[in-house]
Protein backbone atom coordinates (compact mmCIF):
# COMPACT_ATOMS: atom_id res chain seq x y z
CA MET A 1 0.00 0.00 0.00
CA GLN A 2 1.26 3.50 -0.79
CA HIS A 3 1.20 6.03 2.04
CA PHE A 4 3.03 9.34 2.14
CA TRP A 5 3.55 12.70 3.78
CA ILE A 6 2.67 16.13 2.44
CA VAL A 7 5.35 18.51 3.72
CA GLY A 8 5.95 22.19 3.08
CA THR A 9 8.98 24.38 2.61
CA ASP A 10 7.35 26.81 5.05
CA THR A 11 4.02 27.55 6.72
CA ASP A 12 1.04 28.62 4.58
CA VAL A 13 2.36 27.12 1.35
CA GLY A 14 -0.94 25.28 0.77
CA LYS A 15 -0.36 21.84 2.28
CA THR A 16 -4.01 21.43 3.23
CA CYS A 17 -5.19 22.37 -0.23
CA ILE A 18 -2.84 19.85 -1.85
CA THR A 19 -3.67 17.16 0.71
CA THR A 20 -7.36 17.65 -0.06
CA LEU A 21 -6.79 17.59 -3.82
CA LEU A 22 -4.80 14.36 -3.70
CA MET A 23 -7.26 12.79 -1.27
CA ARG A 24 -10.17 13.43 -3.63
CA GLN A 25 -8.38 12.29 -6.75
CA LEU A 26 -7.05 9.08 -5.25
CA GLN A 27 -10.55 8.40 -3.91
CA GLU A 28 -11.86 8.84 -7.46
CA GLN A 29 -9.62 5.93 -8.49
CA GLY A 30 -11.52 3.66 -6.12
CA LEU A 31 -8.96 3.73 -3.31
CA ARG A 32 -9.97 4.02 0.32
CA VAL A 33 -8.07 7.13 1.41
CA THR A 34 -7.75 9.07 4.63
CA PRO A 35 -5.83 12.25 5.36
CA TYR A 36 -4.12 12.50 8.73
CA LYS A 37 -3.02 15.72 10.42
CA PRO A 38 -1.00 14.63 13.48
CA VAL A 39 -0.97 18.10 15.02
CA GLN A 40 -3.09 21.11 14.05
CA THR A 41 -3.12 24.54 15.64
CA GLY A 42 -5.27 27.64 15.36
CA GLU A 43 -8.88 27.19 16.44
CA ILE A 44 -11.30 29.25 14.34
CA ILE A 45 -14.53 30.61 15.80
CA GLU A 46 -17.28 31.74 13.43
CA GLN A 47 -20.84 32.47 14.51
CA LYS A 48 -20.11 30.91 17.91
CA GLU A 49 -18.96 27.67 16.22
CA ALA A 50 -15.38 26.49 16.82
CA TYR A 51 -13.46 24.38 14.30
CA TYR A 52 -10.01 23.67 12.88
CA PHE A 53 -9.39 24.50 9.24
CA ASP A 54 -7.41 21.43 8.16
CA THR A 55 -9.63 18.61 9.37
CA THR A 56 -12.77 20.56 8.48
CA MET A 57 -11.57 20.86 4.88
CA TYR A 58 -10.88 17.12 4.74
CA GLU A 59 -14.40 16.30 5.87
CA LYS A 60 -16.03 18.91 3.67
CA TYR A 61 -14.40 17.82 0.42
CA SER A 62 -13.86 14.09 0.88
CA LEU A 63 -15.71 11.85 -1.57
CA GLN A 64 -15.88 9.20 1.14
CA LYS A 65 -17.17 9.43 4.68
CA LEU A 66 -14.18 10.04 6.91
CA THR A 67 -13.73 8.71 10.43
CA ARG A 68 -13.03 11.74 12.61
CA VAL A 69 -10.76 9.97 15.11
CA ASP A 70 -8.52 8.90 12.22
CA LEU A 71 -7.88 12.48 11.11
CA ASN A 72 -5.96 14.00 14.01
CA ASP A 73 -4.32 13.40 17.39
CA TYR A 74 -3.58 16.87 18.76
CA SER A 75 -5.49 20.13 18.23
CA PHE A 76 -4.38 23.32 19.98
CA LYS A 77 -6.16 26.66 20.03
CA GLU A 78 -3.19 29.00 19.52
CA PRO A 79 -2.12 29.50 15.85
CA ALA A 80 1.53 28.82 16.67
CA SER A 81 4.29 26.25 16.30
CA PRO A 82 3.03 22.92 17.69
CA HIS A 83 5.51 22.83 20.57
CA PHE A 84 4.49 26.29 21.79
CA ALA A 85 0.77 25.82 21.22
CA ALA A 86 0.96 22.60 23.27
CA ARG A 87 2.91 24.33 26.04
CA LEU A 88 0.25 27.03 26.33
CA GLU A 89 -2.31 24.33 27.10
CA GLY A 90 -0.04 22.46 29.51
CA GLN A 91 0.38 19.54 27.15
CA GLN A 92 3.26 17.60 25.61
CA ILE A 93 3.09 16.01 22.17
CA ASP A 94 3.86 12.30 22.31
CA THR A 95 5.55 11.50 18.99
CA MET A 96 5.31 7.75 19.62
CA ARG A 97 1.55 8.16 19.74
CA LEU A 98 1.69 9.78 16.29
CA LEU A 99 3.81 6.98 14.84
CA GLN A 100 1.56 4.29 16.31
CA HIS A 101 -1.50 6.01 14.86
CA ILE A 102 0.11 6.12 11.41
CA LYS A 103 0.85 2.38 11.58
CA LYS A 104 -2.76 1.61 12.46
CA LEU A 105 -4.04 3.76 9.61
CA GLN A 106 -1.73 2.00 7.15
CA GLN A 107 -3.43 -1.29 8.00
CA LYS A 108 -6.89 0.19 7.52
CA TYR A 109 -6.59 2.27 4.32
CA ASP A 110 -5.24 1.92 0.80
CA ALA A 111 -3.59 5.34 1.06
CA VAL A 112 -2.82 7.48 4.11
CA ILE A 113 -1.84 11.09 3.42
CA CYS A 114 -0.07 12.55 6.45
CA GLU A 115 0.00 16.34 6.43
CA GLY A 116 2.84 18.06 8.23
CA ALA A 117 2.70 21.31 10.18
CA GLY A 118 4.77 24.26 9.00
CA GLY A 119 8.18 23.34 7.59
CA ILE A 120 10.00 20.09 8.23
CA PHE A 121 12.12 21.42 11.11
CA VAL A 122 9.14 22.64 13.13
CA PRO A 123 9.66 21.44 16.73
CA LEU A 124 7.08 19.15 18.28
CA ASP A 125 8.27 18.66 21.84
CA CYS A 126 8.46 21.51 24.33
CA ASN A 127 12.26 21.34 24.50
CA GLY A 128 12.66 21.56 20.73
CA GLN A 129 14.58 18.29 20.64
CA GLU A 130 12.23 16.41 18.30
CA THR A 131 11.04 17.86 15.03
CA LEU A 132 8.56 16.92 12.34
CA LEU A 133 11.52 15.68 10.29
CA ASP A 134 12.35 13.18 13.04
CA VAL A 135 8.80 11.81 12.98
CA ILE A 136 8.81 11.57 9.17
CA SER A 137 12.10 9.68 9.26
CA LYS A 138 10.85 7.24 11.90
CA SER A 139 7.61 6.65 9.98
CA GLN A 140 9.68 5.38 7.03
CA LEU A 141 7.22 6.94 4.60
CA PRO A 142 8.09 8.98 1.49
CA VAL A 143 7.07 12.60 1.04
CA VAL A 144 5.59 15.03 -1.45
CA VAL A 145 7.03 18.53 -1.04
CA VAL A 146 4.75 21.55 -1.43
CA THR A 147 6.50 24.79 -2.28
CA ARG A 148 5.74 28.26 -3.59
CA THR A 149 6.46 29.53 -7.08
CA LYS A 150 7.44 33.06 -6.10
CA LEU A 151 10.76 34.71 -5.27
CA GLY A 152 12.70 32.77 -2.62
CA THR A 153 11.31 29.37 -3.51
CA ILE A 154 14.51 28.06 -5.10
CA ASN A 155 16.45 28.43 -1.87
CA HIS A 156 13.66 27.12 0.37
CA THR A 157 12.99 24.15 -1.89
CA PHE A 158 16.61 23.10 -2.25
CA LEU A 159 17.20 23.37 1.50
CA THR A 160 14.14 21.20 2.19
CA LEU A 161 15.19 18.59 -0.38
CA GLU A 162 18.73 18.52 1.01
CA ALA A 163 17.45 18.00 4.56
CA LEU A 164 15.20 15.14 3.43
CA ALA A 165 18.05 13.53 1.49
CA SER A 166 20.32 13.74 4.55
CA ARG A 167 17.87 11.48 6.39
CA GLY A 168 17.44 9.10 3.46
CA ILE A 169 13.78 10.07 3.01
CA GLU A 170 12.36 9.37 -0.44
CA VAL A 171 10.77 12.32 -2.24
CA LEU A 172 7.96 11.23 -4.58
CA GLY A 173 7.61 14.65 -6.17
CA ILE A 174 7.02 18.37 -5.80
CA VAL A 175 3.91 20.54 -5.97
CA PHE A 176 4.47 24.15 -6.97
CA ASN A 177 1.49 25.88 -5.44
CA GLY A 178 -0.01 29.32 -6.11
CA ASP A 179 1.36 29.94 -9.59
CA THR A 180 0.23 33.16 -11.29
CA GLY A 181 2.07 32.51 -14.55
CA SER A 182 4.74 35.20 -14.31
CA LYS A 183 8.09 34.77 -16.03
CA ILE A 184 9.88 34.72 -12.68
CA GLU A 185 7.68 31.89 -11.45
CA GLN A 186 8.12 29.93 -14.67
CA ASN A 187 11.89 30.22 -14.36
CA ASN A 188 11.78 29.21 -10.68
CA VAL A 189 9.89 26.03 -11.54
CA GLU A 190 12.21 25.23 -14.46
CA MET A 191 15.33 25.76 -12.34
CA ILE A 192 14.13 23.48 -9.55
CA ILE A 193 12.95 20.72 -11.89
CA GLN A 194 16.19 20.80 -13.90
CA HIS A 195 18.15 20.41 -10.69
CA CYS A 196 16.17 17.67 -8.92
CA LEU A 197 14.54 15.74 -11.81
CA LEU A 198 11.46 14.78 -9.81
CA PRO A 199 7.81 14.30 -10.86
CA TYR A 200 5.89 17.49 -10.24
CA ALA A 201 2.66 19.43 -10.53
CA VAL A 202 2.05 23.16 -10.88
CA VAL A 203 -1.14 24.38 -9.22
CA PRO A 204 -2.41 27.87 -10.09
CA GLN A 205 -3.32 30.40 -7.47
CA LEU A 206 -6.80 29.45 -6.30
CA ASN A 207 -8.99 32.28 -5.05
CA ASP A 208 -10.74 29.94 -2.64
CA ILE A 209 -10.14 26.39 -1.46
CA ASP A 210 -13.65 25.59 -2.75
CA GLN A 211 -12.02 25.44 -6.19
CA VAL A 212 -10.37 22.14 -5.32
CA VAL A 213 -13.52 20.43 -6.57
CA ASP A 214 -12.89 21.80 -10.05
CA TYR A 215 -9.13 21.32 -10.29
CA SER A 216 -7.34 18.11 -11.29
CA LEU A 217 -3.80 16.88 -10.80
CA LYS A 218 -4.39 13.72 -12.83
CA HIS A 219 -2.57 15.03 -15.90
CA THR A 220 0.64 15.66 -13.95
CA SER A 221 3.73 13.49 -13.64
CA LEU A 222 3.33 13.69 -9.85
CA PHE A 223 -0.11 12.08 -9.86
CA GLU A 224 1.08 9.43 -12.30
CA ARG A 225 3.88 8.59 -9.88
CA LEU A 226 1.55 8.37 -6.89
CA TYR A 227 -1.18 6.37 -8.60
CA GLN A 228 1.33 4.05 -10.28
CA HIS A 229 2.67 3.19 -6.82
CA ASP A 230 -0.89 2.47 -5.68
CA LYS A 231 -1.68 0.29 -8.70
CA THR A 232 1.55 -1.62 -8.19
CA ASP A 233 1.04 -2.21 -4.48
CA ILE A 234 -2.65 -3.11 -4.42
């Protein structure tokens, strides 16, 4: 079975959008798919209703009924780094709990899409000794990297890829998210692809996450790589 992480070069690069897109499109292939957000932060309150953006988007756009307890382990109110948000609530994130949950999900689903928080070096424990990268490495799952297309993305993307390579973590591909079609962005994408030679997808700037229902990644080399793994392993 093929399971993987969605990781970002930074915070707010669109990991949830891409996780939701891939969830839907793998579900359309007849696979039983669940997203999993180990740690989410930033409670949103609208009209006296409280919710968390990531897991709410999963449930809203999934083509299959999702099991809520499978989607998340830790949710903290403060929109901050997981270690600090946990500290504010007097809690400590147990990374072994996260890894055990991932193992259980792998036995239950055809594809588990684990969405990271922030960049790969975001600390999870209160002392800053254990990072998301450590958990990814211990999970022994490959990753899809989500990055921007704008100025600065070359440096951020190469640093992320180098860090993943240093841990021997397989990168299945890259998603360039938020493209507006400028010449600078086109050159950024070309430069990164020429250097790393990975499957990829370019996602245009979406005005609203609701547009995920109308956008497809199926024509991309990234989706072909992911679905080929699934077809091979099932």
